Every structure is written in C-alpha cells, then in structure tokens.
PDB file of N, CA and C in Angstrom:
ATOM      1  N   MET A   1       1.069  -1.017   0.219  1.00  0.00           N
ATOM      2  CA  MET A   1       0.038   0.240   0.455  1.00  0.00           C
ATOM      3  C   MET A   1       0.661   0.829  -0.112  1.00  0.00           C
ATOM      4  N   THR A   2       0.332   2.226  -0.896  1.00  0.00           N
ATOM      5  CA  THR A   2       1.351   3.604  -1.051  1.00  0.00           C
ATOM      6  C   THR A   2       0.837   4.604   0.054  1.00  0.00           C
ATOM      7  N   LYS A   3       2.027   4.394   0.465  1.00  0.00           N
ATOM      8  CA  LYS A   3       1.535   5.589   1.858  1.00  0.00           C
ATOM      9  C   LYS A   3       1.089   7.130   1.518  1.00  0.00           C
ATOM     10  N   ILE A   4       2.845   7.157   1.192  1.00  0.00           N
ATOM     11  CA  ILE A   4       2.787   8.920   0.251  1.00  0.00           C
ATOM     12  C   ILE A   4       4.008   9.128  -0.832  1.00  0.00           C
ATOM     13  N   LYS A   5       3.141   9.195  -1.810  1.00  0.00           N
ATOM     14  CA  LYS A   5       4.018   9.713  -3.031  1.00  0.00           C
ATOM     15  C   LYS A   5       4.014  11.447  -3.843  1.00  0.00           C
ATOM     16  N   LEU A   6       5.282  11.197  -4.385  1.00  0.00           N
ATOM     17  CA  LEU A   6       5.696  12.435  -4.805  1.00  0.00           C
ATOM     18  C   LEU A   6       5.148  12.977  -6.138  1.00  0.00           C
ATOM     19  N   ASP A   7       4.933  13.569  -6.841  1.00  0.00           N
ATOM     20  CA  ASP A   7       5.065  14.370  -8.131  1.00  0.00           C
ATOM     21  C   ASP A   7       5.375  15.473  -8.505  1.00  0.00           C
ATOM     22  N   LEU A   8       6.361  15.508  -8.355  1.00  0.00           N
ATOM     23  CA  LEU A   8       6.714  17.080  -8.445  1.00  0.00           C
ATOM     24  C   LEU A   8       7.469  17.834  -9.997  1.00  0.00           C
ATOM     25  N   PRO A   9       6.720  17.316 -11.011  1.00  0.00           N
ATOM     26  CA  PRO A   9       6.980  18.367 -12.257  1.00  0.00           C
ATOM     27  C   PRO A   9       8.107  19.816 -11.373  1.00  0.00           C
ATOM     28  N   MET A  10       9.148  21.121 -12.274  1.00  0.00           N
ATOM     29  CA  MET A  10       8.868  22.041 -11.954  1.00  0.00           C
ATOM     30  C   MET A  10       9.769  22.343 -12.982  1.00  0.00           C
ATOM     31  N   TYR A  11       8.874  23.650 -13.643  1.00  0.00           N
ATOM     32  CA  TYR A  11       9.590  23.869 -15.489  1.00  0.00           C
ATOM     33  C   TYR A  11       9.150  25.191 -15.389  1.00  0.00           C
ATOM     34  N   LEU A  12       9.312  25.709 -16.121  1.00  0.00           N
ATOM     35  CA  LEU A  12       9.276  27.619 -16.770  1.00  0.00           C
ATOM     36  C   LEU A  12       7.761  27.223 -17.618  1.00  0.00           C
ATOM     37  N   ASP A  13       7.197  27.942 -17.388  1.00  0.00           N
ATOM     38  CA  ASP A  13       6.161  28.635 -18.384  1.00  0.00           C
ATOM     39  C   ASP A  13       4.846  27.171 -18.200  1.00  0.00           C
ATOM     40  N   ALA A  14       4.884  26.926 -17.182  1.00  0.00           N
ATOM     41  CA  ALA A  14       3.915  25.675 -17.056  1.00  0.00           C
ATOM     42  C   ALA A  14       2.738  26.165 -17.702  1.00  0.00           C
ATOM     43  N   PRO A  15       1.651  25.749 -18.410  1.00  0.00           N
ATOM     44  CA  PRO A  15       0.514  25.617 -18.958  1.00  0.00           C
ATOM     45  C   PRO A  15      -0.823  26.508 -17.792  1.00  0.00           C
ATOM     46  N   LEU A  16      -1.145  25.149 -17.185  1.00  0.00           N
ATOM     47  CA  LEU A  16      -1.219  26.116 -16.030  1.00  0.00           C
ATOM     48  C   LEU A  16      -1.473  25.736 -14.157  1.00  0.00           C
ATOM     49  N   PRO A  17       0.263  26.484 -13.814  1.00  0.00           N
ATOM     50  CA  PRO A  17       0.815  26.445 -12.630  1.00  0.00           C
ATOM     51  C   PRO A  17       0.106  26.270 -11.630  1.00  0.00           C
ATOM     52  N   HIS A  18       0.220  25.019 -11.104  1.00  0.00           N
ATOM     53  CA  HIS A  18      -0.884  24.924  -9.557  1.00  0.00           C
ATOM     54  C   HIS A  18      -0.056  23.552  -8.340  1.00  0.00           C
ATOM     55  N   ASP A  19      -0.383  24.316  -7.383  1.00  0.00           N
ATOM     56  CA  ASP A  19      -0.164  23.218  -6.256  1.00  0.00           C
ATOM     57  C   ASP A  19      -1.279  22.485  -5.882  1.00  0.00           C
ATOM     58  N   ALA A  20      -0.996  20.844  -5.668  1.00  0.00           N
ATOM     59  CA  ALA A  20      -2.202  19.990  -5.681  1.00  0.00           C
ATOM     60  C   ALA A  20      -1.808  18.965  -3.996  1.00  0.00           C
ATOM     61  N   ILE A  21      -2.642  18.776  -3.245  1.00  0.00           N
ATOM     62  CA  ILE A  21      -2.753  17.862  -2.902  1.00  0.00           C
ATOM     63  C   ILE A  21      -3.725  16.982  -2.641  1.00  0.00           C
ATOM     64  N   VAL A  22      -3.941  15.758  -2.516  1.00  0.00           N
ATOM     65  CA  VAL A  22      -4.531  14.774  -3.103  1.00  0.00           C
ATOM     66  C   VAL A  22      -4.754  13.186  -1.668  1.00  0.00           C
ATOM     67  N   VAL A  23      -5.680  13.694  -0.640  1.00  0.00           N
ATOM     68  CA  VAL A  23      -5.918  12.248   0.084  1.00  0.00           C
ATOM     69  C   VAL A  23      -7.096  11.526  -0.383  1.00  0.00           C
ATOM     70  N   LYS A  24      -6.360  10.598  -0.462  1.00  0.00           N
ATOM     71  CA  LYS A  24      -7.397   9.081  -0.821  1.00  0.00           C
ATOM     72  C   LYS A  24      -7.497   8.547   0.537  1.00  0.00           C
ATOM     73  N   GLY A  25      -9.015   8.503   1.021  1.00  0.00           N
ATOM     74  CA  GLY A  25      -9.389   8.281   2.260  1.00  0.00           C
ATOM     75  C   GLY A  25     -11.405   8.726   2.325  1.00  0.00           C
ATOM     76  N   ARG A  26     -11.670   8.496   3.359  1.00  0.00           N
ATOM     77  CA  ARG A  26     -12.676   8.107   3.824  1.00  0.00           C
ATOM     78  C   ARG A  26     -12.858   9.581   5.231  1.00  0.00           C
ATOM     79  N   PRO A  27     -13.691  10.920   4.653  1.00  0.00           N
ATOM     80  CA  PRO A  27     -13.735  11.286   3.215  1.00  0.00           C
ATOM     81  C   PRO A  27     -12.320  11.581   2.670  1.00  0.00           C
ATOM     82  N   GLY A  28     -12.510  12.030   1.472  1.00  0.00           N
ATOM     83  CA  GLY A  28     -10.856  12.218   0.055  1.00  0.00           C
ATOM     84  C   GLY A  28     -11.087  13.753   0.209  1.00  0.00           C
ATOM     85  N   LEU A  29     -10.088  14.299   0.241  1.00  0.00           N
ATOM     86  CA  LEU A  29      -9.322  15.575  -0.471  1.00  0.00           C
ATOM     87  C   LEU A  29      -9.118  15.920  -1.182  1.00  0.00           C
ATOM     88  N   ASN A  30      -9.069  16.553  -2.159  1.00  0.00           N
ATOM     89  CA  ASN A  30      -8.296  17.020  -3.815  1.00  0.00           C
ATOM     90  C   ASN A  30      -8.212  19.115  -3.606  1.00  0.00           C
ATOM     91  N   LEU A  31      -7.199  18.714  -3.032  1.00  0.00           N
ATOM     92  CA  LEU A  31      -6.830  20.716  -3.318  1.00  0.00           C
ATOM     93  C   LEU A  31      -5.899  21.360  -3.961  1.00  0.00           C
ATOM     94  N   VAL A  32      -6.701  21.842  -4.578  1.00  0.00           N
ATOM     95  CA  VAL A  32      -5.638  22.771  -5.268  1.00  0.00           C
ATOM     96  C   VAL A  32      -5.536  24.014  -5.615  1.00  0.00           C
ATOM     97  N   LEU A  33      -4.492  24.450  -5.314  1.00  0.00           N
ATOM     98  CA  LEU A  33      -3.983  26.121  -4.994  1.00  0.00           C
ATOM     99  C   LEU A  33      -3.302  26.642  -6.811  1.00  0.00           C
ATOM    100  N   ASP A  34      -4.265  27.468  -7.171  1.00  0.00           N
ATOM    101  CA  ASP A  34      -4.403  28.066  -8.125  1.00  0.00           C
ATOM    102  C   ASP A  34      -2.976  28.713  -8.608  1.00  0.00           C
ATOM    103  N   GLY A  35      -2.781  28.917  -9.335  1.00  0.00           N
ATOM    104  CA  GLY A  35      -0.828  29.590  -9.742  1.00  0.00           C
ATOM    105  C   GLY A  35       0.112  28.935  -8.070  1.00  0.00           C
ATOM    106  N   GLY A  36      -0.074  28.304  -7.768  1.00  0.00           N
ATOM    107  CA  GLY A  36       1.238  27.524  -6.775  1.00  0.00           C
ATOM    108  C   GLY A  36       1.107  28.242  -5.667  1.00  0.00           C
ATOM    109  N   VAL A  37       2.208  28.031  -4.540  1.00  0.00           N
ATOM    110  CA  VAL A  37       3.006  28.496  -3.669  1.00  0.00           C
ATOM    111  C   VAL A  37       3.941  29.089  -3.842  1.00  0.00           C
ATOM    112  N   ALA A  38       4.499  30.505  -4.422  1.00  0.00           N
ATOM    113  CA  ALA A  38       6.099  30.635  -4.544  1.00  0.00           C
ATOM    114  C   ALA A  38       7.159  29.860  -3.898  1.00  0.00           C
ATOM    115  N   GLY A  39       7.698  29.897  -4.231  1.00  0.00           N
ATOM    116  CA  GLY A  39       9.373  29.385  -3.778  1.00  0.00           C
ATOM    117  C   GLY A  39       9.733  29.777  -2.739  1.00  0.00           C
ATOM    118  N   SER A  40      10.097  31.014  -3.424  1.00  0.00           N
ATOM    119  CA  SER A  40      11.196  32.258  -2.441  1.00  0.00           C
ATOM    120  C   SER A  40       9.668  32.268  -1.154  1.00  0.00           C
ATOM    121  N   ASP A  41       9.058  32.338  -1.377  1.00  0.00           N
ATOM    122  CA  ASP A  41       8.005  33.538   0.130  1.00  0.00           C
ATOM    123  C   ASP A  41       8.283  32.030   0.898  1.00  0.00           C
ATOM    124  N   ALA A  42       7.786  30.429   0.155  1.00  0.00           N
ATOM    125  CA  ALA A  42       8.731  29.239   1.531  1.00  0.00           C
ATOM    126  C   ALA A  42       9.725  29.216   1.619  1.00  0.00           C
ATOM    127  N   THR A  43      10.832  29.650   1.222  1.00  0.00           N
ATOM    128  CA  THR A  43      11.824  29.986   1.857  1.00  0.00           C
ATOM    129  C   THR A  43      12.241  30.349   2.625  1.00  0.00           C
ATOM    130  N   VAL A  44      11.770  31.892   2.519  1.00  0.00           N
ATOM    131  CA  VAL A  44      11.699  32.792   3.388  1.00  0.00           C
ATOM    132  C   VAL A  44      10.833  32.680   4.659  1.00  0.00           C
ATOM    133  N   ALA A  45       9.702  32.334   4.448  1.00  0.00           N
ATOM    134  CA  ALA A  45       8.758  31.482   5.505  1.00  0.00           C
ATOM    135  C   ALA A  45       9.325  30.220   6.709  1.00  0.00           C
ATOM    136  N   ALA A  46      10.361  29.547   5.676  1.00  0.00           N
ATOM    137  CA  ALA A  46      10.957  28.954   6.390  1.00  0.00           C
ATOM    138  C   ALA A  46      12.281  29.122   7.428  1.00  0.00           C
ATOM    139  N   LEU A  47      12.822  29.780   6.752  1.00  0.00           N
ATOM    140  CA  LEU A  47      14.042  30.671   7.319  1.00  0.00           C
ATOM    141  C   LEU A  47      13.402  31.801   9.159  1.00  0.00           C
ATOM    142  N   ILE A  48      12.564  32.261   8.547  1.00  0.00           N
ATOM    143  CA  ILE A  48      11.845  32.751   9.665  1.00  0.00           C
ATOM    144  C   ILE A  48      11.481  32.012  10.616  1.00  0.00           C
ATOM    145  N   ASN A  49      10.604  30.881  10.677  1.00  0.00           N
ATOM    146  CA  ASN A  49      10.224  29.984  11.485  1.00  0.00           C
ATOM    147  C   ASN A  49      11.497  29.380  12.504  1.00  0.00           C
ATOM    148  N   ILE A  50      13.084  29.269  11.355  1.00  0.00           N
ATOM    149  CA  ILE A  50      13.526  28.422  12.048  1.00  0.00           C
ATOM    150  C   ILE A  50      14.947  29.108  12.621  1.00  0.00           C
ATOM    151  N   GLY A  51      14.303  30.277  12.956  1.00  0.00           N
ATOM    152  CA  GLY A  51      14.951  31.026  13.011  1.00  0.00           C
ATOM    153  C   GLY A  51      15.431  31.038  15.122  1.00  0.00           C
ATOM    154  N   PRO A  52      14.143  31.093  16.016  1.00  0.00           N
ATOM    155  CA  PRO A  52      13.763  31.095  17.515  1.00  0.00           C
ATOM    156  C   PRO A  52      15.004  30.010  17.392  1.00  0.00           C
ATOM    157  N   ARG A  53      14.731  28.465  16.897  1.00  0.00           N
ATOM    158  CA  ARG A  53      15.253  27.200  17.190  1.00  0.00           C
ATOM    159  C   ARG A  53      16.918  27.763  16.565  1.00  0.00           C
ATOM    160  N   LEU A  54      17.589  28.105  16.126  1.00  0.00           N
ATOM    161  CA  LEU A  54      18.243  28.503  15.473  1.00  0.00           C
ATOM    162  C   LEU A  54      19.348  28.992  16.722  1.00  0.00           C
ATOM    163  N   LEU A  55      18.738  30.140  17.197  1.00  0.00           N
ATOM    164  CA  LEU A  55      19.279  31.115  18.077  1.00  0.00           C
ATOM    165  C   LEU A  55      19.516  30.465  19.331  1.00  0.00           C
ATOM    166  N   ALA A  56      18.192  28.874  20.262  1.00  0.00           N
ATOM    167  CA  ALA A  56      18.787  28.805  21.055  1.00  0.00           C
ATOM    168  C   ALA A  56      19.726  27.456  21.149  1.00  0.00           C
ATOM    169  N   ALA A  57      20.252  27.322  19.595  1.00  0.00           N
ATOM    170  CA  ALA A  57      20.629  25.971  19.912  1.00  0.00           C
ATOM    171  C   ALA A  57      22.256  26.620  19.931  1.00  0.00           C
ATOM    172  N   ALA A  58      22.601  25.250  20.774  1.00  0.00           N
ATOM    173  CA  ALA A  58      24.555  25.610  21.295  1.00  0.00           C
ATOM    174  C   ALA A  58      25.484  25.367  20.001  1.00  0.00           C
ATOM    175  N   PRO A  59      26.212  26.316  20.259  1.00  0.00           N
ATOM    176  CA  PRO A  59      27.494  26.248  18.947  1.00  0.00           C
ATOM    177  C   PRO A  59      28.045  24.929  18.602  1.00  0.00           C
ATOM    178  N   GLY A  60      28.196  25.644  17.397  1.00  0.00           N
ATOM    179  CA  GLY A  60      28.866  24.119  17.045  1.00  0.00           C
ATOM    180  C   GLY A  60      28.031  23.443  15.500  1.00  0.00           C
ATOM    181  N   LEU A  61      28.753  22.898  15.169  1.00  0.00           N
ATOM    182  CA  LEU A  61      27.604  22.518  13.461  1.00  0.00           C
ATOM    183  C   LEU A  61      26.785  21.529  13.476  1.00  0.00           C
ATOM    184  N   ARG A  62      25.616  21.504  12.914  1.00  0.00           N
ATOM    185  CA  ARG A  62      24.584  21.013  13.192  1.00  0.00           C
ATOM    186  C   ARG A  62      24.061  19.857  11.902  1.00  0.00           C
ATOM    187  N   LEU A  63      23.296  19.351  12.227  1.00  0.00           N
ATOM    188  CA  LEU A  63      22.375  18.779  10.973  1.00  0.00           C
ATOM    189  C   LEU A  63      21.385  19.078  10.605  1.00  0.00           C
ATOM    190  N   ARG A  64      21.048  19.292   9.474  1.00  0.00           N
ATOM    191  CA  ARG A  64      19.260  19.726   9.142  1.00  0.00           C
ATOM    192  C   ARG A  64      18.260  18.634  10.174  1.00  0.00           C
ATOM    193  N   THR A  65      19.195  17.110   9.651  1.00  0.00           N
ATOM    194  CA  THR A  65      18.613  15.987   9.978  1.00  0.00           C
ATOM    195  C   THR A  65      18.239  16.222  11.654  1.00  0.00           C
ATOM    196  N   GLY A  66      19.064  16.760  12.289  1.00  0.00           N
ATOM    197  CA  GLY A  66      19.521  17.058  13.521  1.00  0.00           C
ATOM    198  C   GLY A  66      18.454  17.933  14.071  1.00  0.00           C
ATOM    199  N   ARG A  67      17.883  18.737  13.869  1.00  0.00           N
ATOM    200  CA  ARG A  67      16.719  19.436  14.445  1.00  0.00           C
ATOM    201  C   ARG A  67      15.399  19.336  14.286  1.00  0.00           C
ATOM    202  N   ALA A  68      14.344  20.005  14.907  1.00  0.00           N
ATOM    203  CA  ALA A  68      13.281  19.395  14.988  1.00  0.00           C
ATOM    204  C   ALA A  68      12.549  20.114  13.866  1.00  0.00           C
ATOM    205  N   VAL A  69      11.589  19.733  13.192  1.00  0.00           N
ATOM    206  CA  VAL A  69      11.088  20.382  11.960  1.00  0.00           C
ATOM    207  C   VAL A  69      10.433  21.458  12.447  1.00  0.00           C
ATOM    208  N   PRO A  70       9.937  22.596  11.293  1.00  0.00           N
ATOM    209  CA  PRO A  70      10.170  23.860  11.986  1.00  0.00           C
ATOM    210  C   PRO A  70       8.756  23.978  11.850  1.00  0.00           C
ATOM    211  N   SER A  71       8.308  24.979  13.094  1.00  0.00           N
ATOM    212  CA  SER A  71       6.640  25.332  12.729  1.00  0.00           C
ATOM    213  C   SER A  71       6.621  26.360  13.183  1.00  0.00           C
ATOM    214  N   TRP A  72       4.886  26.497  13.139  1.00  0.00           N
ATOM    215  CA  TRP A  72       4.667  28.400  14.270  1.00  0.00           C
ATOM    216  C   TRP A  72       3.798  28.099  14.877  1.00  0.00           C
ATOM    217  N   ARG A  73       3.972  28.478  15.753  1.00  0.00           N
ATOM    218  CA  ARG A  73       2.898  29.030  16.944  1.00  0.00           C
ATOM    219  C   ARG A  73       2.426  30.394  17.408  1.00  0.00           C
ATOM    220  N   ASN A  74       1.642  30.557  17.568  1.00  0.00           N
ATOM    221  CA  ASN A  74       0.916  31.994  17.932  1.00  0.00           C
ATOM    222  C   ASN A  74       1.454  32.001  19.057  1.00  0.00           C
ATOM    223  N   PRO A  75       2.350  33.436  19.177  1.00  0.00           N
ATOM    224  CA  PRO A  75       2.590  33.772  20.878  1.00  0.00           C
ATOM    225  C   PRO A  75       1.227  34.603  21.927  1.00  0.00           C
ATOM    226  N   ALA A  76       0.241  34.608  20.867  1.00  0.00           N
ATOM    227  CA  ALA A  76      -0.677  35.563  21.376  1.00  0.00           C
ATOM    228  C   ALA A  76      -1.959  34.057  21.921  1.00  0.00           C
ATOM    229  N   VAL A  77      -1.721  33.145  21.304  1.00  0.00           N
ATOM    230  CA  VAL A  77      -2.620  32.058  22.330  1.00  0.00           C
ATOM    231  C   VAL A  77      -1.310  31.073  23.169  1.00  0.00           C
ATOM    232  N   ALA A  78      -2.298  30.998  24.151  1.00  0.00           N
ATOM    233  CA  ALA A  78      -1.427  30.143  25.613  1.00  0.00           C
ATOM    234  C   ALA A  78      -0.867  28.746  24.728  1.00  0.00           C
TER     235      ALA A  78
END
C-alpha cells in the first residue's frame, strides 16, 4: 500500500501552474492552489520559522536532520 507519493514536476512557463494535494481516504481530499505557492515566499517563511530554534541551539556544526521540523506557534495563544 502506498502511504505517500510525491509527483513534483518543476519547469518554467507551465500551462496551468498549481500545487495540489490529494488524500485518498474517507472522506477524500482534493486541494488545488491555483498559481501554486511561490518557492521564494516558502523559503523565506521556513527561514523565519527556524530562526528562534537556531538562536537557542548550542554553538557548533549541526545537521538539518538533527533539528526539529519547523513549525509556527501563535505567541498570542497560550
């Protein structure tokens, strides 16, 4: 049984650029983001979200695989 499948074609001037997520289940989910998510915006968001963890880390060389997955928490929510 396939748990996760990634199909990631990337090229300039795609006829209908979009990002899509399909979940086969009950209920199913088919989400299409017309125009897609801009890679530059996503990169900036990832850098901003990892900042606090990097500042709190001990000095030295670290591998990305040794860090927690970046996530955002609303500081206004306890």
